[in-house]
Structure formats: C-alpha cells, structure tokens
Amino acid sequence: MSMQKLTKNVVLLLCVIFAGCLLTSSWVQAASTYKIGGIFAVTGPASFLGDPEKKSMEMAVKSINDRGGIDGHLLETVIYDTEADPTKGVMAVNKLINKDKVLAIIGPSTTPTTLAVINFVERAQMPLISCAAGIQITQPVKQWVFKTAQSDVLAVASLYSHLQEVGIRKIGILTVSNAFGESGKHQLEAQAGAYDIEIARAESFGAKDTDMTAQLTKIRKTDPQAVICWGTNPGPAVVAKNVEQLKMKMPLYMSHGVASPKFIELAGDSAEGICLPSGKILVAGLLPANDLQKEVLTQYIEQFESRYDGKVSGFGGYAFDAVNILAKAMKGSGGDREMIRAAIEKMGNHVGVSGIFNFSATEHNGLGPDAFVVVKIKNSTWELLR
C-alpha cells in the first residue's frame, strides 16, 4: 500500500472516530439532563394558584438552563395539571415517580392535594417542595417534604398582631370546609388567647358555596368588632359581596389565600377596604431600599410581567422559589435524591420571593414572621399597612 493511500485511510478513520465521539458526546449530554416534575392546578377552580406557578417554574428553569444548567446538566421539566383534585394529584405523582423517573417534584398548588400525595413521595424517597400553605404539610416534619408557601401559623400571628395594634378584641370567623380552612381555623383558635382576642362565633362554608349570608347573619348577632374569612377563591369573594349586601359595617379581613389580583377581580367593589396578611410581593414597590427581599422581588416581577401577560401574585413566587431552592440543592449532588434532600434541609439564608428561607431537620418550611406584611385593598390595588 502506498504511503499516500495509507495516509488517506488513516485520515478517514480518524474522521469516523471523531464523528462517533461527537455523536456519543451528544447522546451523553441528552441522557444526562436532570428531569424534575411539576404538579399544579393549572385549570379548574384553583387555576389562579396553579397557572402562575406553572409559568414561574418554566421561567425559572429557562433562566437556569440559559446559564448552563446545574453542573453542566440542563433541567428538563415534566408538568401535570391536577385541577386541584387530590385524586388527579396522586395519579400525577405516581406518573412522575414511576414513568418519568424525575429527581424531584415541585407542587402541588393546594393543601388537600399536597396531603394526598405525601405518603407516595415519602415511600418513593422523592424530594417534594409543595407550593401550598397548610402547616400540616411540614408539621410534623416529613423527611422528603418541604414547602415554600408561608405557613398559616405565621399568617394568623401577623393578622392578630395587627388586630391588637388597632384595638380589635372580639371577632367572628368564617372558614372554608377543607384542609386549608380547617388548618386556618385551628390557628385562629389556638393563637387567640396569646393576643387577648375573643372568637365570638365560628362558622364555615363549602368550597363551592355561592351564598354565605346565613353564616354571616349568625356572626353579626354576636356583635363582633371584625370578621375574618379564611379560604381561597372563589368563596371569599362571595363573602365580601355578602358582607356588603348585609350592610355589615365592621372591618372584613381575609387570609393570605386570596393575596392576588384575582380576588379583587372576583370581589369587585366589595373588595375595597379589606385587609389581609400577604407576602411582600404585592407591595414590593413600597418596601424600603434596605429590605433584603426587594431586589429579588423586583427582578421576579419584571421577568414575569415581561414574559407573560398579567400581573404577578405571590403564588407564582412559591414555584419560583421552589425551583431555585431545588437547583441550589442539586449542585454537586450528581443527581442523587438523598443528597438533594439533605442539601435542602441544610440550606440557610436563601433570599426568595416568599421570604428568607432557613431550613433545618426540624423546620421544612424555613420562613419566619418577617415573611408577612399586612396589606389593605384601596382603589383596587394594595396598600402597605405594616
């Protein structure tokens, strides 16, 4: 064989080897993406929660991937719509665990759906960061379950502290008959004594009820100084309208479960003057310059509103925080679930949209009282009270 022919064959062989290496490299890169799941109430009665959560998760993942991913691994998302149905939530979680083989799950959007899936993620040893508020999600602590939504324990404390400041001592409460409402009712009752507050009457309503005048009439007979409604849309908007129809003059307070523009849209003029505890996102522009969350809040708001049509709410922030907490925990993990879980549990001083997170083995929500402010609806927007 001539030297020229031999050289040509060697060059061809090297080209084949090089091309094979490129193909192998591409295959390895595709195969080594970190797959994470999302389960949100994208449609249905709780879509005001799940829709911004889904969008915020996708937005956060894109930002992470644009920066090169996690240790060179791009994030891949698999998202299912639960419609706020616990049964559908369980089906979605089982798909993510058994079919999609994700490394971790963000969501669900609601407390009842989260409680329904906890046993499944615990058995599968799957890290889950819920976007729901009920304290029973993380207390008592479950090894594999965390959450980013501010706890109703902190919400009640913030609200009662405000009532104490304005001299309100006697209240009536109206809570939705589901896990979120029951948890809120328990906290309202449990913390009342510490703030010298008397609950004159406690009533409840169904999540799909369309009139609460009977319950409000019973509460009015006890002559309370204020009424607190604890629920998520659309029920609280109905309560606001019923209070106006009954010409009840005492202040009406809501829970953080309606801290979004959707509540003002549903309640209309009846929302005017209502106060509630909220994360800082609704009043980010009113925060002092030295507030540790202000920069994160401002960036999130600008990013979300430039990418999507519509105003932000704290609910989308829960998913945004969850993705960024998860991404930080994934660094150096090699995709090992236990290492991811342990890293979340040890994470401290993470400044997020929902607050400043300090997790521990005994605290899987990680937020303190400074995660809340009290806001008032004035001229169809939000006013900072404290």
Protein backbone atom coordinates (compact mmCIF):
# COMPACT_ATOMS: atom_id res chain seq x y z
CA MET A 1 0.00 0.00 0.00
CA SER A 2 1.36 3.40 -0.95
CA MET A 3 2.13 5.97 1.71
CA GLN A 4 -0.41 8.33 0.13
CA LYS A 5 -3.17 5.73 0.28
CA LEU A 6 -2.26 4.80 3.84
CA THR A 7 -2.39 8.42 4.90
CA LYS A 8 -5.80 8.83 3.26
CA ASN A 9 -7.15 5.76 5.10
CA VAL A 10 -5.80 6.99 8.43
CA VAL A 11 -7.45 10.38 7.88
CA LEU A 12 -10.76 8.70 7.03
CA LEU A 13 -10.51 6.50 10.12
CA LEU A 14 -9.81 9.50 12.32
CA CYS A 15 -12.81 11.32 10.83
CA VAL A 16 -15.05 8.35 11.58
CA ILE A 17 -13.74 8.16 15.16
CA PHE A 18 -14.17 11.93 15.63
CA ALA A 19 -17.73 11.84 14.29
CA GLY A 20 -18.51 8.92 16.58
CA CYS A 21 -17.16 10.86 19.52
CA LEU A 22 -19.38 13.80 18.65
CA LEU A 23 -22.44 11.55 18.44
CA THR A 24 -21.56 9.87 21.73
CA SER A 25 -20.99 13.25 23.38
CA SER A 26 -24.37 14.49 22.16
CA TRP A 27 -26.09 11.34 23.38
CA VAL A 28 -24.46 11.56 26.82
CA GLN A 29 -25.42 15.22 27.12
CA ALA A 30 -29.05 14.45 26.20
CA ALA A 31 -29.16 11.47 28.54
CA SER A 32 -27.71 13.41 31.47
CA THR A 33 -30.33 16.11 31.76
CA TYR A 34 -31.81 16.48 35.23
CA LYS A 35 -35.54 15.78 34.97
CA ILE A 36 -37.83 17.48 37.51
CA GLY A 37 -41.61 17.26 37.88
CA GLY A 38 -44.30 19.85 38.48
CA ILE A 39 -47.90 19.28 39.59
CA PHE A 40 -50.10 22.35 39.66
CA ALA A 41 -53.78 23.27 39.49
CA VAL A 42 -53.30 24.85 36.07
CA THR A 43 -57.02 24.68 35.27
CA GLY A 44 -60.12 24.43 37.42
CA PRO A 45 -61.19 26.42 40.49
CA ALA A 46 -57.64 26.90 41.78
CA SER A 47 -56.10 27.94 38.46
CA PHE A 48 -55.32 31.35 39.99
CA LEU A 49 -52.74 29.38 42.00
CA GLY A 50 -51.54 26.79 39.52
CA ASP A 51 -51.33 28.82 36.33
CA PRO A 52 -48.77 31.37 37.66
CA GLU A 53 -46.94 28.54 39.42
CA LYS A 54 -46.52 26.59 36.18
CA LYS A 55 -45.39 29.72 34.34
CA SER A 56 -42.96 30.64 37.12
CA MET A 57 -41.47 27.14 37.17
CA GLU A 58 -40.91 27.24 33.42
CA MET A 59 -39.45 30.74 33.65
CA ALA A 60 -37.05 29.78 36.43
CA VAL A 61 -35.92 26.62 34.61
CA LYS A 62 -35.26 28.59 31.41
CA SER A 63 -33.11 31.07 33.33
CA ILE A 64 -31.11 28.23 34.91
CA ASN A 65 -30.63 26.49 31.57
CA ASP A 66 -29.60 29.76 29.92
CA ARG A 67 -26.80 29.94 32.49
CA GLY A 68 -25.64 26.42 31.63
CA GLY A 69 -27.85 24.34 33.94
CA ILE A 70 -26.64 22.54 37.06
CA ASP A 71 -23.03 21.36 36.92
CA GLY A 72 -23.42 21.21 33.13
CA HIS A 73 -26.73 19.30 33.28
CA LEU A 74 -29.71 21.08 31.71
CA LEU A 75 -33.03 20.86 33.54
CA GLU A 76 -35.95 19.11 31.85
CA THR A 77 -39.48 19.62 33.17
CA VAL A 78 -42.47 17.31 33.18
CA ILE A 79 -45.59 19.14 34.37
CA TYR A 80 -49.09 17.75 35.01
CA ASP A 81 -52.36 19.56 35.73
CA THR A 82 -54.13 18.36 38.91
CA GLU A 83 -57.15 20.68 38.55
CA ALA A 84 -56.88 20.89 42.38
CA ASP A 85 -58.23 17.33 42.53
CA PRO A 86 -56.37 15.18 45.12
CA THR A 87 -57.06 12.00 43.12
CA LYS A 88 -55.54 13.52 39.98
CA GLY A 89 -52.65 14.75 42.09
CA VAL A 90 -51.91 11.21 43.26
CA MET A 91 -52.09 9.91 39.68
CA ALA A 92 -49.70 12.64 38.53
CA VAL A 93 -47.20 11.94 41.31
CA ASN A 94 -47.20 8.24 40.52
CA LYS A 95 -46.51 9.03 36.84
CA LEU A 96 -43.63 11.32 37.78
CA ILE A 97 -42.14 8.70 40.09
CA ASN A 98 -42.67 5.51 38.09
CA LYS A 99 -42.91 6.59 34.43
CA ASP A 100 -40.99 9.85 34.12
CA LYS A 101 -38.30 8.99 36.71
CA VAL A 102 -37.89 12.58 37.89
CA LEU A 103 -35.35 13.60 40.55
CA ALA A 104 -37.73 15.86 42.49
CA ILE A 105 -41.23 17.34 42.34
CA ILE A 106 -42.47 20.95 42.68
CA GLY A 107 -46.07 21.39 43.88
CA PRO A 108 -48.95 20.71 44.34
CA SER A 109 -50.76 24.05 44.48
CA THR A 110 -53.24 23.28 47.26
CA THR A 111 -53.14 21.85 50.77
CA PRO A 112 -55.66 18.99 50.20
CA THR A 113 -53.78 17.76 47.12
CA THR A 114 -50.42 18.00 48.87
CA LEU A 115 -51.67 15.99 51.84
CA ALA A 116 -52.97 13.34 49.43
CA VAL A 117 -49.56 12.79 47.80
CA ILE A 118 -47.28 12.90 50.84
CA ASN A 119 -47.33 9.16 51.55
CA PHE A 120 -46.41 8.39 47.94
CA VAL A 121 -43.36 10.67 47.83
CA GLU A 122 -42.23 9.52 51.27
CA ARG A 123 -42.35 5.85 50.22
CA ALA A 124 -40.54 6.61 46.97
CA GLN A 125 -37.95 8.78 48.79
CA MET A 126 -38.70 11.59 46.36
CA PRO A 127 -37.94 15.22 47.33
CA LEU A 128 -41.11 17.30 47.09
CA ILE A 129 -41.37 21.07 47.55
CA SER A 130 -45.04 21.98 47.91
CA CYS A 131 -46.49 25.35 46.94
CA ALA A 132 -49.39 25.05 49.43
CA ALA A 133 -49.76 26.77 52.79
CA GLY A 134 -51.27 24.32 55.31
CA ILE A 135 -48.99 23.77 58.29
CA GLN A 136 -49.79 20.04 58.37
CA ILE A 137 -47.72 19.69 55.20
CA THR A 138 -44.49 20.17 57.16
CA GLN A 139 -45.57 19.76 60.79
CA PRO A 140 -44.84 17.21 61.95
CA VAL A 141 -41.76 17.07 59.72
CA LYS A 142 -41.78 14.54 56.88
CA GLN A 143 -38.31 13.57 55.72
CA TRP A 144 -38.84 14.19 52.00
CA VAL A 145 -41.41 17.02 52.06
CA PHE A 146 -40.72 20.77 52.11
CA LYS A 147 -42.77 23.82 51.18
CA THR A 148 -42.26 27.42 50.10
CA ALA A 149 -45.67 28.96 50.85
CA GLN A 150 -45.82 30.95 54.06
CA SER A 151 -47.44 28.98 56.88
CA ASP A 152 -50.90 29.78 58.21
CA VAL A 153 -49.30 29.88 61.68
CA LEU A 154 -47.32 32.95 60.61
CA ALA A 155 -50.31 34.39 58.72
CA VAL A 156 -52.54 34.28 61.80
CA ALA A 157 -49.81 35.71 64.02
CA SER A 158 -49.29 38.60 61.61
CA LEU A 159 -53.02 39.29 61.39
CA TYR A 160 -53.62 39.05 65.14
CA SER A 161 -50.67 41.35 65.83
CA HIS A 162 -52.33 43.92 63.56
CA LEU A 163 -55.71 43.49 65.29
CA GLN A 164 -54.03 44.02 68.63
CA GLU A 165 -52.41 47.23 67.37
CA VAL A 166 -55.75 48.68 66.18
CA GLY A 167 -57.61 47.65 69.33
CA ILE A 168 -59.83 44.86 67.96
CA ARG A 169 -60.51 42.22 70.62
CA LYS A 170 -63.76 40.49 69.58
CA ILE A 171 -64.11 38.74 66.22
CA GLY A 172 -66.22 36.33 64.21
CA ILE A 173 -64.56 33.80 61.91
CA LEU A 174 -65.78 32.11 58.73
CA THR A 175 -63.61 29.33 57.33
CA VAL A 176 -63.81 27.09 54.26
CA SER A 177 -64.51 23.40 54.92
CA ASN A 178 -61.33 21.89 53.54
CA ALA A 179 -57.79 21.27 54.77
CA PHE A 180 -56.73 24.89 54.22
CA GLY A 181 -59.73 26.26 56.10
CA GLU A 182 -59.53 23.75 58.93
CA SER A 183 -55.85 24.48 59.45
CA GLY A 184 -56.59 28.22 59.47
CA LYS A 185 -59.45 27.77 61.93
CA HIS A 186 -57.22 25.76 64.25
CA GLN A 187 -54.59 28.51 64.23
CA LEU A 188 -57.16 31.28 64.69
CA GLU A 189 -58.49 29.48 67.76
CA ALA A 190 -55.13 28.35 69.13
CA GLN A 191 -53.48 31.78 68.94
CA ALA A 192 -56.43 33.91 70.06
CA GLY A 193 -55.56 33.78 73.77
CA ALA A 194 -52.00 34.99 73.23
CA TYR A 195 -53.34 38.17 71.62
CA ASP A 196 -56.28 38.64 74.05
CA ILE A 197 -58.77 38.07 71.25
CA GLU A 198 -62.24 36.54 71.74
CA ILE A 199 -63.82 34.50 68.95
CA ALA A 200 -67.49 35.28 69.43
CA ARG A 201 -68.73 32.96 66.70
CA ALA A 202 -67.13 30.47 64.29
CA GLU A 203 -68.92 29.42 61.10
CA SER A 204 -67.87 27.52 57.99
CA PHE A 205 -68.79 27.29 54.31
CA GLY A 206 -68.30 24.81 51.48
CA ALA A 207 -65.64 25.46 48.86
CA LYS A 208 -68.34 25.61 46.15
CA ASP A 209 -70.98 27.53 48.13
CA THR A 210 -72.39 30.58 46.39
CA ASP A 211 -74.06 32.35 49.32
CA MET A 212 -72.87 32.80 52.93
CA THR A 213 -75.49 35.23 54.22
CA ALA A 214 -76.85 32.68 56.73
CA GLN A 215 -73.45 32.22 58.39
CA LEU A 216 -72.72 35.96 58.32
CA THR A 217 -76.10 36.74 59.88
CA LYS A 218 -75.28 34.42 62.80
CA ILE A 219 -71.89 36.09 63.21
CA ARG A 220 -73.43 39.59 63.10
CA LYS A 221 -75.72 38.72 66.01
CA THR A 222 -72.69 38.35 68.30
CA ASP A 223 -71.68 41.97 67.59
CA PRO A 224 -68.02 41.38 66.66
CA GLN A 225 -65.56 44.19 66.04
CA ALA A 226 -64.29 42.43 62.91
CA VAL A 227 -64.86 39.35 60.76
CA ILE A 228 -62.10 37.09 59.44
CA CYS A 229 -62.73 34.87 56.41
CA TRP A 230 -60.23 32.06 55.83
CA GLY A 231 -60.34 30.46 52.40
CA THR A 232 -59.25 30.60 48.78
CA ASN A 233 -61.11 31.88 45.73
CA PRO A 234 -63.91 32.00 44.82
CA GLY A 235 -65.60 31.63 48.25
CA PRO A 236 -64.01 34.67 49.95
CA ALA A 237 -65.16 36.92 47.09
CA VAL A 238 -68.71 35.72 47.74
CA VAL A 239 -68.26 36.51 51.44
CA ALA A 240 -67.07 40.03 50.58
CA LYS A 241 -70.17 40.65 48.46
CA ASN A 242 -72.49 39.17 51.11
CA VAL A 243 -70.96 41.41 53.81
CA GLU A 244 -71.69 44.43 51.64
CA GLN A 245 -75.23 43.22 50.88
CA LEU A 246 -75.93 42.75 54.59
CA LYS A 247 -74.54 46.25 55.28
CA MET A 248 -72.18 44.88 57.92
CA LYS A 249 -70.03 47.84 58.93
CA MET A 250 -67.25 46.09 60.86
CA PRO A 251 -63.90 45.51 59.09
CA LEU A 252 -63.54 42.36 57.00
CA TYR A 253 -60.21 40.51 56.96
CA MET A 254 -59.11 37.72 54.63
CA SER A 255 -56.36 35.10 54.68
CA HIS A 256 -53.23 35.05 52.55
CA GLY A 257 -55.11 32.52 50.40
CA VAL A 258 -56.59 35.42 48.38
CA ALA A 259 -53.42 37.53 48.09
CA SER A 260 -53.62 38.02 44.33
CA PRO A 261 -55.25 40.33 41.77
CA LYS A 262 -57.76 37.55 41.07
CA PHE A 263 -59.53 38.22 44.38
CA ILE A 264 -60.01 41.90 43.54
CA GLU A 265 -61.32 40.87 40.12
CA LEU A 266 -63.84 38.43 41.64
CA ALA A 267 -64.96 40.63 44.54
CA GLY A 268 -65.15 43.85 42.53
CA ASP A 269 -66.07 46.95 44.52
CA SER A 270 -66.77 44.74 47.56
CA ALA A 271 -63.01 44.21 47.94
CA GLU A 272 -62.45 47.86 48.89
CA GLY A 273 -61.09 48.25 52.42
CA ILE A 274 -60.44 44.55 53.03
CA CYS A 275 -57.17 43.77 54.86
CA LEU A 276 -55.12 40.56 54.80
CA PRO A 277 -51.67 39.14 55.56
CA SER A 278 -49.55 38.74 52.45
CA GLY A 279 -46.08 38.06 51.24
CA LYS A 280 -44.21 41.22 50.27
CA ILE A 281 -44.68 40.77 46.53
CA LEU A 282 -47.95 42.70 46.38
CA VAL A 283 -46.27 45.81 47.79
CA ALA A 284 -42.70 45.31 46.53
CA GLY A 285 -42.53 48.87 45.22
CA LEU A 286 -43.41 50.25 48.67
CA LEU A 287 -40.68 48.37 50.53
CA PRO A 288 -37.67 50.32 51.84
CA ALA A 289 -34.49 50.11 49.79
CA ASN A 290 -32.70 48.14 52.52
CA ASP A 291 -35.27 45.33 52.57
CA LEU A 292 -33.33 42.12 51.82
CA GLN A 293 -36.06 40.78 49.52
CA LYS A 294 -36.60 43.92 47.47
CA GLU A 295 -34.07 43.14 44.73
CA VAL A 296 -35.25 39.52 44.30
CA LEU A 297 -38.89 40.65 44.24
CA THR A 298 -38.22 43.40 41.71
CA GLN A 299 -36.34 41.07 39.38
CA TYR A 300 -39.03 38.39 39.58
CA ILE A 301 -41.83 40.87 38.90
CA GLU A 302 -40.03 42.40 35.90
CA GLN A 303 -39.14 38.98 34.49
CA PHE A 304 -42.65 37.55 34.91
CA GLU A 305 -44.54 40.57 33.58
CA SER A 306 -42.27 40.92 30.55
CA ARG A 307 -42.65 37.23 29.71
CA TYR A 308 -46.36 36.74 30.43
CA ASP A 309 -49.49 38.80 30.06
CA GLY A 310 -50.80 39.68 33.51
CA LYS A 311 -49.75 40.83 36.95
CA VAL A 312 -47.75 38.70 39.36
CA SER A 313 -49.02 37.16 42.58
CA GLY A 314 -47.24 35.55 45.48
CA PHE A 315 -48.50 32.17 44.30
CA GLY A 316 -46.22 32.11 41.28
CA GLY A 317 -43.41 33.09 43.62
CA TYR A 318 -43.86 29.84 45.56
CA ALA A 319 -42.90 27.81 42.48
CA PHE A 320 -40.13 30.23 41.50
CA ASP A 321 -38.60 29.86 44.98
CA ALA A 322 -39.03 26.08 44.90
CA VAL A 323 -37.15 25.72 41.60
CA ASN A 324 -34.27 27.92 42.76
CA ILE A 325 -34.02 26.14 46.11
CA LEU A 326 -34.01 22.80 44.29
CA ALA A 327 -31.39 24.00 41.79
CA LYS A 328 -29.11 25.16 44.58
CA ALA A 329 -29.53 21.80 46.34
CA MET A 330 -28.76 19.89 43.13
CA LYS A 331 -25.30 21.41 42.78
CA GLY A 332 -22.69 18.76 43.47
CA SER A 333 -25.33 16.07 44.02
CA GLY A 334 -24.70 14.09 40.86
CA GLY A 335 -28.48 13.66 40.68
CA ASP A 336 -28.63 11.71 43.96
CA ARG A 337 -32.01 12.24 45.63
CA GLU A 338 -30.78 11.81 49.18
CA MET A 339 -28.01 14.35 48.61
CA ILE A 340 -30.59 16.77 47.16
CA ARG A 341 -32.91 16.28 50.13
CA ALA A 342 -30.10 16.74 52.64
CA ALA A 343 -28.90 19.90 50.88
CA ILE A 344 -32.36 21.48 51.08
CA GLU A 345 -32.57 20.61 54.76
CA LYS A 346 -29.23 22.33 55.45
CA MET A 347 -29.94 25.41 53.34
CA GLY A 348 -29.95 28.75 55.12
CA ASN A 349 -30.29 32.43 54.29
CA HIS A 350 -31.82 31.78 50.88
CA VAL A 351 -33.47 35.07 49.87
CA GLY A 352 -36.57 34.32 47.83
CA VAL A 353 -39.80 35.88 46.61
CA SER A 354 -41.74 34.41 49.55
CA GLY A 355 -39.24 35.28 52.28
CA ILE A 356 -35.83 34.36 53.60
CA PHE A 357 -35.56 30.59 53.95
CA ASN A 358 -33.67 28.85 56.76
CA PHE A 359 -34.38 25.13 56.65
CA SER A 360 -33.31 22.56 59.22
CA ALA A 361 -34.03 18.98 60.26
CA THR A 362 -36.94 20.27 62.37
CA GLU A 363 -38.11 23.07 60.02
CA HIS A 364 -39.09 22.19 56.45
CA ASN A 365 -40.81 25.50 55.63
CA GLY A 366 -37.92 27.69 56.71
CA LEU A 367 -39.75 31.02 56.93
CA GLY A 368 -40.14 33.40 59.87
CA PRO A 369 -42.58 36.20 60.82
CA ASP A 370 -40.78 38.66 58.52
CA ALA A 371 -42.20 36.78 55.52
CA PHE A 372 -45.54 38.56 56.03
CA VAL A 373 -46.87 42.09 55.88
CA VAL A 374 -50.47 43.26 56.32
CA VAL A 375 -51.98 44.93 53.24
CA LYS A 376 -55.21 46.79 52.55
CA ILE A 377 -57.13 46.93 49.28
CA LYS A 378 -57.59 50.54 48.27
CA ASN A 379 -58.77 51.76 44.87
CA SER A 380 -58.42 48.21 43.51
CA THR A 381 -54.77 47.93 44.47
CA TRP A 382 -52.65 47.13 47.51
CA GLU A 383 -51.64 49.45 50.33
CA LEU A 384 -48.97 48.51 52.88
CA LEU A 385 -50.18 48.74 56.49
CA ARG A 386 -47.34 47.04 58.42
